[in-house]
Amino acid sequence: MAGLAISLSFLVLVSSVTAVPGPCSRIECPSYDVVQKGDGYEIRRYNSSVWMSTSTVQDISFVAGTNTGFMELFNYIQGKNDEKQKIEMTAPVMTQVTPSDGPFCKSSFVISFYVPKENQANPPVAKGLHAQRWTNKYVAVRQFGGFITDSNVVEEAAALQTSLEGTRWSSIVQSINGTSVYNVAQYNSPFEFQGRVNEIWFTFDAQTKLFDL
């Protein structure tokens, strides 16, 4: 019925199933439920979690910007933190992308590492990094394989946006986050050449209400 508000949490209760990307069978990943599978997209509900994030990295290249941030995070888990504590590798490594206004301008990137559950209550601090505590979030996801390049990441983000057009999710994502900022999740080591898993994420808050269209 038009105008009928439907709680997203209710949708999770009636239609969620548990699923994880392949690499998460080997290393720890944030937990989630699948709310809906669509044509070219998936809607997930993520539980609250903690991420260690870089300051904003400015670069023309997504790949170069992500590599810069990842090295800071890699040093962090190898013990370059105030506690000199080594931390287990997790997945995904997340890059938040704020695209530039033009092809020859620098975009903004924030790169984040999912903190293992055993460290989330009190993650070690480190210069240049900050902890982000995520509340429950809903995410529209598009999954793709291979190595990420500066060109294909833009194409995949556009493809997710196209897949959501005409669905109730499109209006919610646009009204909350707009259509420019997105996240890129990478699950594999750069030394893994087979079975690579990457995802584009459009996030929105768990308190959002859905309306019948």
N, C-alpha and C. Protein backbone atom coordinates (compact mmCIF):
# COMPACT_ATOMS: atom_id res chain seq x y z
N MET A 1 0.85 -1.18 0.00
CA MET A 1 0.00 0.00 0.00
C MET A 1 0.89 1.23 0.00
N ALA A 2 0.58 2.21 -0.86
CA ALA A 2 1.42 3.40 -0.96
C ALA A 2 1.47 4.12 0.37
N GLY A 3 2.68 4.57 0.74
CA GLY A 3 2.86 5.33 1.97
C GLY A 3 3.01 4.45 3.21
N LEU A 4 2.90 3.16 3.07
CA LEU A 4 3.03 2.27 4.22
C LEU A 4 4.50 2.11 4.57
N ALA A 5 4.90 2.50 5.77
CA ALA A 5 6.29 2.40 6.19
C ALA A 5 6.59 0.96 6.60
N ILE A 6 7.68 0.44 6.11
CA ILE A 6 8.10 -0.92 6.44
C ILE A 6 9.48 -0.83 7.07
N SER A 7 9.63 -1.33 8.28
CA SER A 7 10.93 -1.28 8.95
C SER A 7 11.90 -2.21 8.26
N LEU A 8 13.13 -1.73 8.03
CA LEU A 8 14.16 -2.59 7.44
C LEU A 8 14.50 -3.75 8.36
N SER A 9 14.45 -3.52 9.66
CA SER A 9 14.74 -4.61 10.58
C SER A 9 13.72 -5.72 10.44
N PHE A 10 12.49 -5.39 10.13
CA PHE A 10 11.46 -6.40 9.90
C PHE A 10 11.80 -7.22 8.67
N LEU A 11 12.26 -6.55 7.62
CA LEU A 11 12.65 -7.28 6.42
C LEU A 11 13.73 -8.29 6.70
N VAL A 12 14.69 -7.93 7.55
CA VAL A 12 15.75 -8.86 7.90
C VAL A 12 15.18 -10.10 8.58
N LEU A 13 14.23 -9.88 9.48
CA LEU A 13 13.65 -11.01 10.20
C LEU A 13 12.93 -11.97 9.28
N VAL A 14 12.29 -11.47 8.25
CA VAL A 14 11.47 -12.36 7.44
C VAL A 14 12.19 -12.91 6.22
N SER A 15 13.34 -12.31 5.81
CA SER A 15 13.89 -12.76 4.55
C SER A 15 15.40 -12.93 4.52
N SER A 16 16.08 -12.81 5.66
CA SER A 16 17.53 -12.84 5.62
C SER A 16 18.06 -14.27 5.56
N VAL A 17 19.21 -14.41 4.90
CA VAL A 17 19.95 -15.66 4.90
C VAL A 17 21.40 -15.27 5.13
N THR A 18 22.20 -16.20 5.62
CA THR A 18 23.59 -15.91 5.89
C THR A 18 24.44 -16.32 4.71
N ALA A 19 25.33 -15.43 4.27
CA ALA A 19 26.24 -15.72 3.17
C ALA A 19 27.47 -14.87 3.34
N VAL A 20 28.62 -15.36 2.89
CA VAL A 20 29.85 -14.60 3.00
C VAL A 20 30.67 -14.77 1.73
N PRO A 21 31.47 -13.76 1.35
CA PRO A 21 32.40 -13.95 0.24
C PRO A 21 33.39 -15.06 0.54
N GLY A 22 33.89 -15.72 -0.50
CA GLY A 22 34.78 -16.87 -0.35
C GLY A 22 35.95 -16.68 0.59
N PRO A 23 36.72 -15.57 0.48
CA PRO A 23 37.87 -15.40 1.36
C PRO A 23 37.53 -15.38 2.84
N CYS A 24 36.28 -15.09 3.19
CA CYS A 24 35.90 -15.01 4.60
C CYS A 24 35.82 -16.38 5.26
N SER A 25 36.00 -17.44 4.48
CA SER A 25 36.11 -18.77 5.08
C SER A 25 37.49 -18.99 5.68
N ARG A 26 38.45 -18.10 5.34
CA ARG A 26 39.83 -18.26 5.80
C ARG A 26 40.23 -17.20 6.82
N ILE A 27 39.69 -16.00 6.70
CA ILE A 27 40.03 -14.92 7.62
C ILE A 27 38.76 -14.24 8.11
N GLU A 28 38.88 -13.51 9.21
CA GLU A 28 37.69 -12.91 9.82
C GLU A 28 37.17 -11.75 8.98
N CYS A 29 35.86 -11.69 8.82
CA CYS A 29 35.17 -10.62 8.10
C CYS A 29 33.99 -10.15 8.95
N PRO A 30 33.50 -8.94 8.72
CA PRO A 30 32.31 -8.50 9.45
C PRO A 30 31.10 -9.34 9.09
N SER A 31 30.25 -9.59 10.06
CA SER A 31 29.09 -10.45 9.83
C SER A 31 27.93 -9.63 9.29
N TYR A 32 27.08 -10.30 8.50
CA TYR A 32 25.92 -9.62 7.92
C TYR A 32 24.84 -10.62 7.57
N ASP A 33 23.65 -10.10 7.31
CA ASP A 33 22.53 -10.88 6.78
C ASP A 33 22.18 -10.33 5.41
N VAL A 34 21.73 -11.20 4.54
CA VAL A 34 21.25 -10.77 3.23
C VAL A 34 19.76 -10.48 3.34
N VAL A 35 19.39 -9.24 3.00
CA VAL A 35 18.00 -8.82 3.05
C VAL A 35 17.29 -9.15 1.75
N GLN A 36 17.97 -8.88 0.63
CA GLN A 36 17.36 -9.13 -0.68
C GLN A 36 18.44 -9.31 -1.73
N LYS A 37 18.21 -10.24 -2.64
CA LYS A 37 19.06 -10.39 -3.81
C LYS A 37 18.30 -9.88 -5.02
N GLY A 38 18.91 -9.00 -5.79
CA GLY A 38 18.28 -8.46 -6.98
C GLY A 38 19.11 -8.73 -8.21
N ASP A 39 18.73 -8.16 -9.32
CA ASP A 39 19.44 -8.33 -10.58
C ASP A 39 20.66 -7.42 -10.59
N GLY A 40 21.83 -7.98 -10.30
CA GLY A 40 23.06 -7.20 -10.29
C GLY A 40 23.37 -6.53 -8.97
N TYR A 41 22.61 -6.84 -7.91
CA TYR A 41 22.90 -6.24 -6.61
C TYR A 41 22.40 -7.14 -5.49
N GLU A 42 22.87 -6.84 -4.29
CA GLU A 42 22.44 -7.53 -3.08
C GLU A 42 22.32 -6.49 -1.98
N ILE A 43 21.28 -6.58 -1.16
CA ILE A 43 21.11 -5.70 -0.02
C ILE A 43 21.46 -6.49 1.24
N ARG A 44 22.39 -5.94 2.03
CA ARG A 44 22.84 -6.62 3.24
C ARG A 44 22.62 -5.73 4.47
N ARG A 45 22.47 -6.36 5.61
CA ARG A 45 22.44 -5.66 6.89
C ARG A 45 23.67 -6.09 7.68
N TYR A 46 24.56 -5.14 7.93
CA TYR A 46 25.77 -5.40 8.70
C TYR A 46 25.58 -5.06 10.17
N ASN A 47 26.13 -5.92 11.03
CA ASN A 47 26.10 -5.64 12.46
C ASN A 47 27.11 -4.54 12.79
N SER A 48 26.99 -3.96 13.98
CA SER A 48 27.92 -2.92 14.40
C SER A 48 29.34 -3.47 14.42
N SER A 49 30.31 -2.62 14.11
CA SER A 49 31.69 -3.07 13.98
C SER A 49 32.63 -1.90 14.16
N VAL A 50 33.92 -2.21 14.28
CA VAL A 50 34.96 -1.19 14.45
C VAL A 50 35.95 -1.31 13.31
N TRP A 51 36.32 -0.17 12.75
CA TRP A 51 37.29 -0.11 11.66
C TRP A 51 38.38 0.89 12.02
N MET A 52 39.63 0.57 11.66
CA MET A 52 40.72 1.52 11.81
C MET A 52 40.93 2.19 10.45
N SER A 53 40.91 3.52 10.44
CA SER A 53 40.88 4.26 9.18
C SER A 53 42.02 5.28 9.09
N THR A 54 42.44 5.53 7.88
CA THR A 54 43.45 6.55 7.61
C THR A 54 42.81 7.93 7.58
N SER A 55 43.64 8.95 7.58
CA SER A 55 43.16 10.27 7.23
C SER A 55 42.89 10.29 5.73
N THR A 56 42.32 11.35 5.22
CA THR A 56 41.98 11.42 3.81
C THR A 56 43.24 11.44 2.94
N VAL A 57 43.26 10.58 1.94
CA VAL A 57 44.34 10.53 0.97
C VAL A 57 43.86 11.17 -0.33
N GLN A 58 44.60 12.12 -0.85
CA GLN A 58 44.25 12.79 -2.10
C GLN A 58 45.10 12.22 -3.23
N ASP A 59 44.46 11.73 -4.28
CA ASP A 59 45.21 11.17 -5.40
C ASP A 59 44.34 11.14 -6.64
N ILE A 60 44.94 11.22 -7.79
CA ILE A 60 44.20 11.06 -9.04
C ILE A 60 43.79 9.61 -9.25
N SER A 61 44.63 8.68 -8.75
CA SER A 61 44.45 7.25 -8.99
C SER A 61 43.84 6.55 -7.78
N PHE A 62 42.77 5.78 -8.01
CA PHE A 62 42.20 4.95 -6.95
C PHE A 62 43.22 3.94 -6.46
N VAL A 63 43.90 3.27 -7.37
CA VAL A 63 44.85 2.22 -7.01
C VAL A 63 45.99 2.80 -6.18
N ALA A 64 46.56 3.92 -6.63
CA ALA A 64 47.67 4.53 -5.90
C ALA A 64 47.23 5.03 -4.54
N GLY A 65 46.06 5.67 -4.47
CA GLY A 65 45.55 6.17 -3.20
C GLY A 65 45.30 5.05 -2.21
N THR A 66 44.70 3.96 -2.69
CA THR A 66 44.43 2.82 -1.81
C THR A 66 45.73 2.19 -1.33
N ASN A 67 46.71 2.06 -2.20
CA ASN A 67 47.99 1.48 -1.81
C ASN A 67 48.67 2.32 -0.72
N THR A 68 48.59 3.65 -0.86
CA THR A 68 49.16 4.54 0.16
C THR A 68 48.53 4.28 1.52
N GLY A 69 47.21 4.24 1.56
CA GLY A 69 46.51 4.00 2.81
C GLY A 69 46.72 2.61 3.35
N PHE A 70 46.76 1.62 2.45
CA PHE A 70 46.92 0.24 2.89
C PHE A 70 48.25 0.04 3.59
N MET A 71 49.31 0.68 3.11
CA MET A 71 50.62 0.52 3.74
C MET A 71 50.60 1.05 5.17
N GLU A 72 49.88 2.13 5.42
CA GLU A 72 49.73 2.63 6.79
C GLU A 72 49.04 1.58 7.66
N LEU A 73 47.98 0.98 7.12
CA LEU A 73 47.24 -0.02 7.88
C LEU A 73 48.04 -1.31 8.06
N PHE A 74 48.80 -1.69 7.03
CA PHE A 74 49.64 -2.89 7.14
C PHE A 74 50.69 -2.71 8.24
N ASN A 75 51.31 -1.54 8.28
CA ASN A 75 52.28 -1.28 9.34
C ASN A 75 51.61 -1.31 10.71
N TYR A 76 50.36 -0.83 10.77
CA TYR A 76 49.61 -0.84 12.02
C TYR A 76 49.42 -2.27 12.54
N ILE A 77 48.97 -3.18 11.68
CA ILE A 77 48.73 -4.55 12.15
C ILE A 77 50.02 -5.32 12.39
N GLN A 78 51.12 -4.83 11.82
CA GLN A 78 52.42 -5.46 12.07
C GLN A 78 53.07 -4.98 13.37
N GLY A 79 52.38 -4.09 14.08
CA GLY A 79 52.86 -3.66 15.39
C GLY A 79 53.26 -2.21 15.49
N LYS A 80 53.09 -1.45 14.42
CA LYS A 80 53.42 -0.02 14.47
C LYS A 80 52.22 0.73 15.05
N ASN A 81 52.01 0.51 16.34
CA ASN A 81 50.94 1.18 17.08
C ASN A 81 51.44 1.40 18.50
N ASP A 82 50.68 2.14 19.29
CA ASP A 82 51.15 2.53 20.62
C ASP A 82 51.37 1.33 21.53
N GLU A 83 50.68 0.24 21.29
CA GLU A 83 50.83 -0.97 22.10
C GLU A 83 51.89 -1.91 21.54
N LYS A 84 52.43 -1.58 20.37
CA LYS A 84 53.37 -2.47 19.66
C LYS A 84 52.80 -3.88 19.54
N GLN A 85 51.48 -3.91 19.28
CA GLN A 85 50.74 -5.18 19.23
C GLN A 85 50.48 -5.58 17.79
N LYS A 86 50.79 -6.83 17.45
CA LYS A 86 50.45 -7.35 16.14
C LYS A 86 48.98 -7.78 16.14
N ILE A 87 48.32 -7.53 15.02
CA ILE A 87 46.89 -7.78 14.91
C ILE A 87 46.65 -8.66 13.69
N GLU A 88 45.73 -9.60 13.82
CA GLU A 88 45.44 -10.51 12.72
C GLU A 88 44.87 -9.77 11.51
N MET A 89 45.27 -10.18 10.31
CA MET A 89 44.70 -9.63 9.09
C MET A 89 43.25 -10.05 8.96
N THR A 90 42.42 -9.15 8.47
CA THR A 90 41.00 -9.42 8.25
C THR A 90 40.64 -9.01 6.82
N ALA A 91 39.40 -9.15 6.48
CA ALA A 91 38.89 -8.66 5.20
C ALA A 91 37.49 -8.10 5.44
N PRO A 92 37.06 -7.15 4.61
CA PRO A 92 37.81 -6.57 3.50
C PRO A 92 38.63 -5.36 3.93
N VAL A 93 39.56 -4.96 3.05
CA VAL A 93 40.14 -3.62 3.14
C VAL A 93 39.18 -2.71 2.38
N MET A 94 38.75 -1.65 3.04
CA MET A 94 37.70 -0.80 2.49
C MET A 94 38.25 0.57 2.10
N THR A 95 37.88 1.01 0.91
CA THR A 95 38.24 2.35 0.47
C THR A 95 36.97 3.15 0.23
N GLN A 96 36.80 4.23 0.98
CA GLN A 96 35.70 5.15 0.72
C GLN A 96 36.16 6.15 -0.34
N VAL A 97 35.38 6.28 -1.39
CA VAL A 97 35.75 7.12 -2.52
C VAL A 97 34.82 8.33 -2.61
N THR A 98 35.42 9.52 -2.59
CA THR A 98 34.70 10.74 -2.92
C THR A 98 35.27 11.24 -4.23
N PRO A 99 34.59 11.00 -5.35
CA PRO A 99 35.16 11.32 -6.67
C PRO A 99 35.44 12.81 -6.84
N SER A 100 36.43 13.10 -7.67
CA SER A 100 36.78 14.48 -7.98
C SER A 100 35.74 15.08 -8.93
N ASP A 101 35.86 16.37 -9.16
CA ASP A 101 34.94 17.07 -10.05
C ASP A 101 35.35 16.95 -11.52
N GLY A 102 36.53 16.42 -11.79
CA GLY A 102 36.99 16.32 -13.17
C GLY A 102 38.04 15.24 -13.33
N PRO A 103 38.35 14.84 -14.57
CA PRO A 103 39.25 13.71 -14.83
C PRO A 103 40.69 13.96 -14.41
N PHE A 104 41.11 15.22 -14.28
CA PHE A 104 42.50 15.52 -13.94
C PHE A 104 42.62 16.12 -12.54
N CYS A 105 41.58 15.93 -11.74
CA CYS A 105 41.58 16.41 -10.36
C CYS A 105 41.73 15.23 -9.41
N LYS A 106 42.22 15.52 -8.22
CA LYS A 106 42.42 14.45 -7.24
C LYS A 106 41.10 14.10 -6.55
N SER A 107 40.87 12.80 -6.41
CA SER A 107 39.74 12.32 -5.61
C SER A 107 40.20 12.14 -4.16
N SER A 108 39.24 11.95 -3.28
CA SER A 108 39.54 11.75 -1.86
C SER A 108 39.26 10.30 -1.48
N PHE A 109 40.19 9.70 -0.76
CA PHE A 109 40.07 8.30 -0.36
C PHE A 109 40.34 8.17 1.14
N VAL A 110 39.51 7.36 1.80
CA VAL A 110 39.77 6.98 3.19
C VAL A 110 39.82 5.46 3.20
N ILE A 111 40.94 4.90 3.64
CA ILE A 111 41.13 3.46 3.60
C ILE A 111 40.98 2.90 5.01
N SER A 112 40.26 1.80 5.13
CA SER A 112 39.92 1.26 6.45
C SER A 112 40.18 -0.24 6.54
N PHE A 113 40.54 -0.67 7.74
CA PHE A 113 40.82 -2.07 8.07
C PHE A 113 39.79 -2.51 9.10
N TYR A 114 39.12 -3.63 8.84
CA TYR A 114 38.15 -4.17 9.80
C TYR A 114 38.90 -4.74 11.00
N VAL A 115 38.62 -4.22 12.18
CA VAL A 115 39.31 -4.65 13.39
C VAL A 115 38.72 -5.97 13.87
N PRO A 116 39.58 -6.98 14.15
CA PRO A 116 39.06 -8.27 14.63
C PRO A 116 38.23 -8.09 15.91
N LYS A 117 37.28 -8.98 16.11
CA LYS A 117 36.38 -8.86 17.26
C LYS A 117 37.13 -8.79 18.58
N GLU A 118 38.22 -9.54 18.70
CA GLU A 118 38.94 -9.57 19.97
C GLU A 118 39.61 -8.24 20.29
N ASN A 119 39.78 -7.38 19.30
CA ASN A 119 40.41 -6.08 19.51
C ASN A 119 39.43 -4.91 19.46
N GLN A 120 38.15 -5.17 19.19
CA GLN A 120 37.22 -4.07 18.94
C GLN A 120 36.89 -3.26 20.19
N ALA A 121 36.94 -3.87 21.36
CA ALA A 121 36.61 -3.13 22.58
C ALA A 121 37.64 -2.04 22.86
N ASN A 122 38.89 -2.30 22.51
CA ASN A 122 39.96 -1.36 22.80
C ASN A 122 41.07 -1.48 21.76
N PRO A 123 40.82 -1.08 20.53
CA PRO A 123 41.85 -1.23 19.49
C PRO A 123 43.05 -0.35 19.77
N PRO A 124 44.27 -0.85 19.54
CA PRO A 124 45.46 -0.02 19.74
C PRO A 124 45.38 1.24 18.88
N VAL A 125 45.89 2.34 19.41
CA VAL A 125 45.88 3.58 18.65
C VAL A 125 47.21 3.74 17.94
N ALA A 126 47.22 4.57 16.90
CA ALA A 126 48.44 4.82 16.14
C ALA A 126 48.35 6.20 15.51
N LYS A 127 49.48 6.85 15.38
CA LYS A 127 49.53 8.17 14.78
C LYS A 127 49.04 8.12 13.34
N GLY A 128 48.17 9.05 12.97
CA GLY A 128 47.66 9.13 11.61
C GLY A 128 46.47 8.25 11.33
N LEU A 129 46.06 7.42 12.30
CA LEU A 129 44.91 6.53 12.13
C LEU A 129 43.86 6.85 13.21
N HIS A 130 42.61 6.53 12.91
CA HIS A 130 41.55 6.73 13.89
C HIS A 130 40.55 5.59 13.78
N ALA A 131 39.93 5.24 14.90
CA ALA A 131 38.94 4.17 14.93
C ALA A 131 37.57 4.73 14.57
N GLN A 132 36.88 4.00 13.70
CA GLN A 132 35.49 4.33 13.36
C GLN A 132 34.59 3.23 13.89
N ARG A 133 33.61 3.61 14.69
CA ARG A 133 32.67 2.62 15.23
C ARG A 133 31.37 2.72 14.44
N TRP A 134 31.13 1.72 13.63
CA TRP A 134 29.94 1.70 12.78
C TRP A 134 28.76 1.14 13.57
N THR A 135 27.64 1.82 13.50
CA THR A 135 26.40 1.22 13.97
C THR A 135 25.91 0.24 12.91
N ASN A 136 24.80 -0.43 13.18
CA ASN A 136 24.24 -1.33 12.16
C ASN A 136 24.01 -0.55 10.88
N LYS A 137 24.41 -1.13 9.76
CA LYS A 137 24.29 -0.44 8.48
C LYS A 137 23.65 -1.36 7.44
N TYR A 138 22.97 -0.73 6.50
CA TYR A 138 22.49 -1.43 5.31
C TYR A 138 23.37 -1.05 4.14
N VAL A 139 23.64 -2.02 3.30
CA VAL A 139 24.57 -1.81 2.20
C VAL A 139 24.00 -2.43 0.93
N ALA A 140 24.00 -1.64 -0.15
CA ALA A 140 23.72 -2.18 -1.48
C ALA A 140 25.07 -2.59 -2.08
N VAL A 141 25.18 -3.83 -2.54
CA VAL A 141 26.47 -4.40 -2.91
C VAL A 141 26.44 -4.93 -4.35
N ARG A 142 27.53 -4.69 -5.07
CA ARG A 142 27.77 -5.35 -6.35
C ARG A 142 29.12 -6.04 -6.25
N GLN A 143 29.16 -7.32 -6.57
CA GLN A 143 30.39 -8.10 -6.46
C GLN A 143 31.00 -8.34 -7.85
N PHE A 144 32.33 -8.28 -7.91
CA PHE A 144 33.02 -8.55 -9.17
C PHE A 144 34.40 -9.11 -8.88
N GLY A 145 35.01 -9.75 -9.87
CA GLY A 145 36.28 -10.44 -9.67
C GLY A 145 37.46 -9.72 -10.29
N GLY A 146 38.61 -10.38 -10.27
CA GLY A 146 39.81 -9.85 -10.89
C GLY A 146 40.48 -8.78 -10.05
N PHE A 147 41.51 -8.16 -10.64
CA PHE A 147 42.20 -7.07 -9.99
C PHE A 147 41.50 -5.75 -10.29
N ILE A 148 41.44 -4.88 -9.29
CA ILE A 148 40.81 -3.57 -9.47
C ILE A 148 41.76 -2.64 -10.20
N THR A 149 41.21 -1.89 -11.14
CA THR A 149 41.95 -0.85 -11.84
C THR A 149 41.22 0.47 -11.67
N ASP A 150 41.87 1.56 -12.07
CA ASP A 150 41.23 2.87 -11.96
C ASP A 150 39.98 2.96 -12.82
N SER A 151 39.96 2.24 -13.92
CA SER A 151 38.81 2.32 -14.82
C SER A 151 37.68 1.38 -14.40
N ASN A 152 38.01 0.12 -14.05
CA ASN A 152 36.90 -0.80 -13.78
C ASN A 152 36.17 -0.50 -12.48
N VAL A 153 36.83 0.15 -11.53
CA VAL A 153 36.13 0.47 -10.29
C VAL A 153 35.04 1.51 -10.54
N VAL A 154 35.30 2.44 -11.43
CA VAL A 154 34.29 3.44 -11.79
C VAL A 154 33.15 2.77 -12.56
N GLU A 155 33.49 1.86 -13.46
CA GLU A 155 32.47 1.15 -14.24
C GLU A 155 31.57 0.30 -13.34
N GLU A 156 32.16 -0.36 -12.37
CA GLU A 156 31.37 -1.22 -11.48
C GLU A 156 30.47 -0.39 -10.57
N ALA A 157 30.94 0.77 -10.11
CA ALA A 157 30.09 1.65 -9.30
C ALA A 157 28.90 2.14 -10.12
N ALA A 158 29.16 2.49 -11.37
CA ALA A 158 28.06 2.93 -12.24
C ALA A 158 27.08 1.80 -12.50
N ALA A 159 27.61 0.58 -12.63
CA ALA A 159 26.75 -0.58 -12.87
C ALA A 159 25.84 -0.86 -11.68
N LEU A 160 26.37 -0.68 -10.45
CA LEU A 160 25.52 -0.87 -9.27
C LEU A 160 24.42 0.17 -9.24
N GLN A 161 24.77 1.40 -9.54
CA GLN A 161 23.76 2.46 -9.56
C GLN A 161 22.67 2.15 -10.58
N THR A 162 23.07 1.65 -11.75
CA THR A 162 22.10 1.29 -12.78
C THR A 162 21.21 0.14 -12.33
N SER A 163 21.81 -0.85 -11.66
CA SER A 163 21.03 -2.00 -11.18
C SER A 163 19.95 -1.60 -10.18
N LEU A 164 20.23 -0.56 -9.41
CA LEU A 164 19.28 -0.13 -8.38
C LEU A 164 18.17 0.76 -8.92
N GLU A 165 18.35 1.30 -10.12
CA GLU A 165 17.35 2.21 -10.69
C GLU A 165 16.00 1.50 -10.82
N GLY A 166 14.97 2.20 -10.42
CA GLY A 166 13.63 1.63 -10.49
C GLY A 166 13.25 0.80 -9.29
N THR A 167 14.16 0.62 -8.33
CA THR A 167 13.85 -0.12 -7.10
C THR A 167 13.69 0.85 -5.94
N ARG A 168 13.07 0.40 -4.87
CA ARG A 168 12.92 1.24 -3.69
C ARG A 168 14.26 1.61 -3.08
N TRP A 169 15.26 0.76 -3.29
CA TRP A 169 16.58 1.01 -2.72
C TRP A 169 17.23 2.24 -3.35
N SER A 170 16.98 2.50 -4.60
CA SER A 170 17.60 3.63 -5.29
C SER A 170 17.25 4.94 -4.61
N SER A 171 15.98 5.15 -4.32
CA SER A 171 15.57 6.42 -3.72
C SER A 171 16.11 6.57 -2.31
N ILE A 172 16.22 5.47 -1.58
CA ILE A 172 16.74 5.54 -0.21
C ILE A 172 18.22 5.90 -0.23
N VAL A 173 18.99 5.21 -1.06
CA VAL A 173 20.43 5.48 -1.14
C VAL A 173 20.68 6.91 -1.57
N GLN A 174 19.95 7.38 -2.58
CA GLN A 174 20.15 8.73 -3.08
C GLN A 174 19.76 9.78 -2.04
N SER A 175 18.69 9.54 -1.32
CA SER A 175 18.23 10.55 -0.35
C SER A 175 19.16 10.66 0.84
N ILE A 176 19.87 9.57 1.17
CA ILE A 176 20.72 9.59 2.36
C ILE A 176 22.17 9.91 2.00
N ASN A 177 22.72 9.22 1.03
CA ASN A 177 24.14 9.35 0.72
C ASN A 177 24.42 10.06 -0.59
N GLY A 178 23.40 10.35 -1.37
CA GLY A 178 23.66 10.86 -2.71
C GLY A 178 24.19 9.73 -3.58
N THR A 179 24.67 10.06 -4.75
CA THR A 179 25.12 9.01 -5.67
C THR A 179 26.61 9.08 -5.96
N SER A 180 27.32 10.02 -5.33
CA SER A 180 28.73 10.19 -5.69
C SER A 180 29.68 9.39 -4.80
N VAL A 181 29.44 9.39 -3.48
CA VAL A 181 30.34 8.71 -2.56
C VAL A 181 30.00 7.23 -2.51
N TYR A 182 31.01 6.39 -2.61
CA TYR A 182 30.81 4.94 -2.52
C TYR A 182 32.02 4.29 -1.87
N ASN A 183 31.90 3.02 -1.53
CA ASN A 183 32.98 2.27 -0.92
C ASN A 183 33.38 1.10 -1.81
N VAL A 184 34.65 0.75 -1.77
CA VAL A 184 35.18 -0.39 -2.52
C VAL A 184 35.80 -1.35 -1.52
N ALA A 185 35.29 -2.58 -1.48
CA ALA A 185 35.79 -3.61 -0.57
C ALA A 185 36.64 -4.61 -1.33
N GLN A 186 37.86 -4.83 -0.85
CA GLN A 186 38.77 -5.80 -1.47
C GLN A 186 39.10 -6.89 -0.44
N TYR A 187 38.90 -8.15 -0.84
CA TYR A 187 38.99 -9.26 0.10
C TYR A 187 40.28 -10.07 0.01
N ASN A 188 41.07 -9.88 -1.02
CA ASN A 188 42.21 -10.77 -1.26
C ASN A 188 43.55 -10.07 -1.09
N SER A 189 44.55 -10.87 -0.78
CA SER A 189 45.93 -10.41 -0.81
C SER A 189 46.30 -10.07 -2.25
N PRO A 190 47.19 -9.10 -2.45
CA PRO A 190 47.64 -8.79 -3.82
C PRO A 190 48.39 -9.94 -4.48
N PHE A 191 48.77 -10.95 -3.68
CA PHE A 191 49.49 -12.10 -4.22
C PHE A 191 48.58 -13.25 -4.60
N GLU A 192 47.28 -13.07 -4.41
CA GLU A 192 46.30 -14.08 -4.84
C GLU A 192 45.80 -13.71 -6.24
N PHE A 193 45.94 -14.63 -7.17
CA PHE A 193 45.59 -14.35 -8.55
C PHE A 193 44.29 -15.02 -8.99
N GLN A 194 43.85 -16.04 -8.24
CA GLN A 194 42.63 -16.75 -8.58
C GLN A 194 41.57 -16.47 -7.52
N GLY A 195 40.30 -16.48 -7.96
CA GLY A 195 39.19 -16.36 -7.02
C GLY A 195 39.13 -15.03 -6.30
N ARG A 196 39.55 -13.98 -6.95
CA ARG A 196 39.54 -12.67 -6.30
C ARG A 196 38.10 -12.15 -6.16
N VAL A 197 37.84 -11.49 -5.03
CA VAL A 197 36.50 -10.96 -4.75
C VAL A 197 36.62 -9.48 -4.39
N ASN A 198 35.89 -8.65 -5.11
CA ASN A 198 35.80 -7.23 -4.84
C ASN A 198 34.32 -6.84 -4.80
N GLU A 199 34.02 -5.74 -4.10
CA GLU A 199 32.64 -5.29 -4.04
C GLU A 199 32.56 -3.77 -4.04
N ILE A 200 31.52 -3.25 -4.67
CA ILE A 200 31.13 -1.85 -4.54
C ILE A 200 30.03 -1.78 -3.49
N TRP A 201 30.14 -0.83 -2.56
CA TRP A 201 29.14 -0.65 -1.51
C TRP A 201 28.54 0.75 -1.58
N PHE A 202 27.20 0.82 -1.53
CA PHE A 202 26.48 2.05 -1.22
C PHE A 202 25.85 1.83 0.15
N THR A 203 26.19 2.64 1.14
CA THR A 203 25.71 2.40 2.50
C THR A 203 24.58 3.34 2.88
N PHE A 204 23.73 2.87 3.78
CA PHE A 204 22.70 3.73 4.37
C PHE A 204 22.38 3.23 5.76
N ASP A 205 21.85 4.09 6.59
CA ASP A 205 21.72 3.83 8.01
C ASP A 205 20.64 2.80 8.30
N ALA A 206 20.85 2.03 9.37
CA ALA A 206 19.91 0.97 9.74
C ALA A 206 18.57 1.48 10.25
N GLN A 207 18.50 2.76 10.61
CA GLN A 207 17.24 3.31 11.11
C GLN A 207 16.32 3.76 9.99
N THR A 208 16.79 3.64 8.75
CA THR A 208 15.99 4.08 7.60
C THR A 208 14.68 3.30 7.52
N LYS A 209 13.62 3.98 7.09
CA LYS A 209 12.33 3.34 6.84
C LYS A 209 12.10 3.23 5.34
N LEU A 210 11.55 2.12 4.95
CA LEU A 210 11.19 1.91 3.54
C LEU A 210 9.73 2.27 3.33
N PHE A 211 9.43 2.80 2.18
CA PHE A 211 8.05 3.10 1.85
C PHE A 211 7.66 2.33 0.58
N ASP A 212 6.47 1.78 0.58
CA ASP A 212 5.96 1.12 -0.62
C ASP A 212 5.95 2.10 -1.78
N LEU A 213 6.42 1.65 -2.95
CA LEU A 213 6.43 2.50 -4.13
C LEU A 213 5.31 2.09 -5.08
